[in-house]
């Protein structure tokens, strides 16, 4: 009885591992197919993409206004559309996961950041502050924008070209 259960668990583990590897290979193949498809970003030199998307990413991270971050995010979505990256792919691979994860990280800031109270949670009497909501919104918006830009680079460029472009850019920026 015990041996049968142990064999079954081992078989389940092997099946899950194979399914996970198959999913990773399918994901990599779809990314490579998308990187070779015709589109705006696919036609650019990988070094230009690395530098350009990195500049947009840095601009989103240092932006002091939510409208600037939203405009950069809108540019990223427009680049995705012009590069024929399905928005469903962005939503499933990045937007949902990053939004939920960053949202959980940002949630305490809504209640713990000092500022003007706009609402109190019933029963708990926790204050929700304007400054807390603003800081949580900034964190989620920056994370979504940065992840979208990074995913665009990966989806629109074959992986070996990304690595060569990063190496080329790093060699130019560093002295060693």
Protein backbone atom coordinates (compact mmCIF):
# COMPACT_ATOMS: atom_id res chain seq x y z
CA UNK A 1 0.00 0.00 0.00
CA UNK A 2 2.74 2.44 1.00
CA UNK A 3 4.82 1.59 -2.07
CA UNK A 4 1.85 2.16 -4.37
CA UNK A 5 1.24 5.61 -2.86
CA UNK A 6 4.94 6.48 -3.14
CA UNK A 7 4.96 5.40 -6.80
CA UNK A 8 1.86 7.47 -7.48
CA UNK A 9 3.41 10.59 -5.89
CA UNK A 10 6.59 10.07 -7.90
CA UNK A 11 4.52 9.67 -11.08
CA UNK A 12 2.55 12.85 -10.25
CA UNK A 13 5.81 14.73 -9.64
CA UNK A 14 7.27 13.55 -12.96
CA UNK A 15 4.05 14.44 -14.82
CA UNK A 16 3.95 17.92 -13.26
CA UNK A 17 7.63 18.47 -14.04
CA UNK A 18 7.19 17.42 -17.66
CA UNK A 19 4.08 19.59 -17.98
CA UNK A 20 5.98 22.56 -16.54
CA UNK A 21 8.90 22.04 -18.92
CA UNK A 22 6.52 21.69 -21.85
CA UNK A 23 4.81 24.94 -20.87
CA UNK A 24 8.16 26.73 -20.64
CA UNK A 25 9.23 25.44 -24.05
CA UNK A 26 5.90 26.46 -25.61
CA UNK A 27 6.23 29.91 -24.08
CA UNK A 28 9.78 30.30 -25.37
CA UNK A 29 8.80 29.12 -28.84
CA UNK A 30 5.87 31.53 -29.02
CA UNK A 31 8.15 34.38 -27.92
CA UNK A 32 10.71 33.46 -30.60
CA UNK A 33 7.95 33.26 -33.23
CA UNK A 34 6.65 36.67 -32.18
CA UNK A 35 10.19 38.11 -32.24
CA UNK A 36 10.59 37.01 -35.86
CA UNK A 37 7.17 38.27 -36.99
CA UNK A 38 6.87 41.59 -38.84
CA UNK A 39 6.29 44.56 -36.57
CA UNK A 40 7.62 47.93 -35.47
CA UNK A 41 9.95 46.79 -32.68
CA UNK A 42 10.95 43.61 -34.47
CA UNK A 43 12.42 45.71 -37.30
CA UNK A 44 14.66 47.79 -35.05
CA UNK A 45 18.25 47.00 -34.15
CA UNK A 46 18.35 45.25 -30.75
CA UNK A 47 20.75 47.88 -29.36
CA UNK A 48 18.30 50.63 -30.26
CA UNK A 49 15.52 48.70 -28.52
CA UNK A 50 17.61 48.16 -25.39
CA UNK A 51 18.62 51.81 -25.12
CA UNK A 52 15.20 53.19 -26.06
CA UNK A 53 13.16 50.92 -23.79
CA UNK A 54 15.68 51.41 -20.97
CA UNK A 55 15.29 55.19 -21.33
CA UNK A 56 11.49 54.86 -21.15
CA UNK A 57 11.82 52.55 -18.16
CA UNK A 58 14.06 54.99 -16.28
CA UNK A 59 11.71 57.86 -17.15
CA UNK A 60 8.77 55.89 -15.71
CA UNK A 61 10.66 55.09 -12.52
CA UNK A 62 11.78 58.67 -11.84
CA UNK A 63 8.58 60.39 -12.98
CA UNK A 64 6.96 62.57 -10.32
CA UNK A 65 3.56 62.83 -12.02
CA UNK A 66 1.13 59.96 -12.52
CA UNK A 67 0.16 61.38 -15.92
CA UNK A 68 3.75 60.98 -17.12
CA UNK A 69 3.78 57.34 -16.00
CA UNK A 70 0.39 56.80 -17.66
CA UNK A 71 1.68 58.37 -20.89
CA UNK A 72 4.73 56.08 -20.90
CA UNK A 73 2.45 53.09 -20.25
CA UNK A 74 0.23 54.21 -23.14
CA UNK A 75 3.33 54.45 -25.36
CA UNK A 76 4.28 50.90 -24.32
CA UNK A 77 0.80 49.64 -25.22
CA UNK A 78 0.95 51.50 -28.55
CA UNK A 79 4.36 49.94 -29.25
CA UNK A 80 2.88 46.53 -28.46
CA UNK A 81 -0.01 47.07 -30.86
CA UNK A 82 2.30 48.36 -33.61
CA UNK A 83 4.59 45.39 -33.02
CA UNK A 84 1.63 43.01 -33.28
CA UNK A 85 2.03 41.76 -29.71
CA UNK A 86 -1.42 40.60 -28.61
CA UNK A 87 -2.65 42.58 -25.61
CA UNK A 88 -3.99 39.30 -24.24
CA UNK A 89 -0.40 38.02 -24.07
CA UNK A 90 0.66 41.11 -22.11
CA UNK A 91 -2.33 40.79 -19.80
CA UNK A 92 -1.85 37.09 -19.11
CA UNK A 93 1.95 37.12 -18.83
CA UNK A 94 2.43 40.39 -17.02
CA UNK A 95 -0.37 42.78 -16.17
CA UNK A 96 -2.41 40.49 -13.94
CA UNK A 97 0.53 39.00 -12.06
CA UNK A 98 2.44 42.23 -11.55
CA UNK A 99 -0.73 44.12 -10.63
CA UNK A 100 -1.77 41.58 -8.00
CA UNK A 101 1.73 41.13 -6.56
CA UNK A 102 2.53 44.85 -6.46
CA UNK A 103 -0.96 45.59 -5.19
CA UNK A 104 -0.41 43.32 -2.19
CA UNK A 105 2.91 45.01 -1.51
CA UNK A 106 1.37 48.49 -1.86
CA UNK A 107 -1.75 47.74 0.20
CA UNK A 108 -0.25 48.54 3.63
CA UNK A 109 0.86 51.97 2.38
CA UNK A 110 -2.79 52.96 1.98
CA UNK A 111 -3.30 52.60 5.72
CA UNK A 112 0.14 53.38 7.16
CA UNK A 113 1.22 56.45 5.20
CA UNK A 114 0.51 59.58 7.22
CA UNK A 115 -1.65 62.21 5.59
CA UNK A 116 -5.16 63.52 5.27
CA UNK A 117 -7.71 60.84 6.01
CA UNK A 118 -10.35 60.40 3.31
CA UNK A 119 -12.07 57.32 4.69
CA UNK A 120 -11.97 54.95 7.67
CA UNK A 121 -12.57 51.25 7.28
CA UNK A 122 -15.64 50.19 9.24
CA UNK A 123 -15.04 47.87 12.22
CA UNK A 124 -11.24 48.18 11.99
CA UNK A 125 -11.18 51.99 12.06
CA UNK A 126 -8.10 52.00 9.84
CA UNK A 127 -7.53 55.35 8.11
CA UNK A 128 -7.15 55.51 4.33
CA UNK A 129 -5.08 58.56 3.42
CA UNK A 130 -4.75 60.49 0.20
CA UNK A 131 -0.97 60.22 0.40
CA UNK A 132 -1.20 56.46 1.00
CA UNK A 133 -3.45 55.95 -2.02
CA UNK A 134 -1.15 58.10 -4.12
CA UNK A 135 1.98 56.20 -3.12
CA UNK A 136 0.29 52.82 -3.75
CA UNK A 137 -0.93 54.01 -7.16
CA UNK A 138 2.55 55.24 -8.09
CA UNK A 139 4.13 51.93 -7.09
CA UNK A 140 1.64 49.82 -9.06
CA UNK A 141 1.79 52.13 -12.11
CA UNK A 142 5.58 52.15 -12.17
CA UNK A 143 5.79 48.38 -11.78
CA UNK A 144 3.23 47.74 -14.54
CA UNK A 145 4.97 50.16 -16.90
CA UNK A 146 8.45 48.81 -16.23
CA UNK A 147 7.33 45.19 -16.60
CA UNK A 148 5.47 45.98 -19.84
CA UNK A 149 8.54 47.62 -21.35
CA UNK A 150 10.79 44.73 -20.29
CA UNK A 151 8.36 42.15 -21.69
CA UNK A 152 8.14 44.05 -24.99
CA UNK A 153 11.92 43.86 -25.33
CA UNK A 154 11.89 40.13 -24.67
CA UNK A 155 8.90 39.37 -26.90
CA UNK A 156 10.09 41.45 -29.85
CA UNK A 157 13.73 40.38 -29.88
CA UNK A 158 15.27 36.91 -30.08
CA UNK A 159 16.91 36.12 -26.75
CA UNK A 160 20.43 35.79 -28.17
CA UNK A 161 20.08 39.26 -29.74
CA UNK A 162 18.93 40.72 -26.40
CA UNK A 163 22.03 39.31 -24.71
CA UNK A 164 24.36 40.63 -27.44
CA UNK A 165 22.71 44.06 -27.32
CA UNK A 166 23.02 44.20 -23.52
CA UNK A 167 26.66 43.17 -23.75
CA UNK A 168 27.32 45.81 -26.42
CA UNK A 169 25.59 48.54 -24.42
CA UNK A 170 27.33 47.58 -21.19
CA UNK A 171 30.75 47.58 -22.85
CA UNK A 172 30.12 51.13 -24.09
CA UNK A 173 28.93 52.37 -20.69
CA UNK A 174 31.63 50.67 -18.61
CA UNK A 175 35.37 51.14 -18.87
CA UNK A 176 36.42 47.57 -18.20
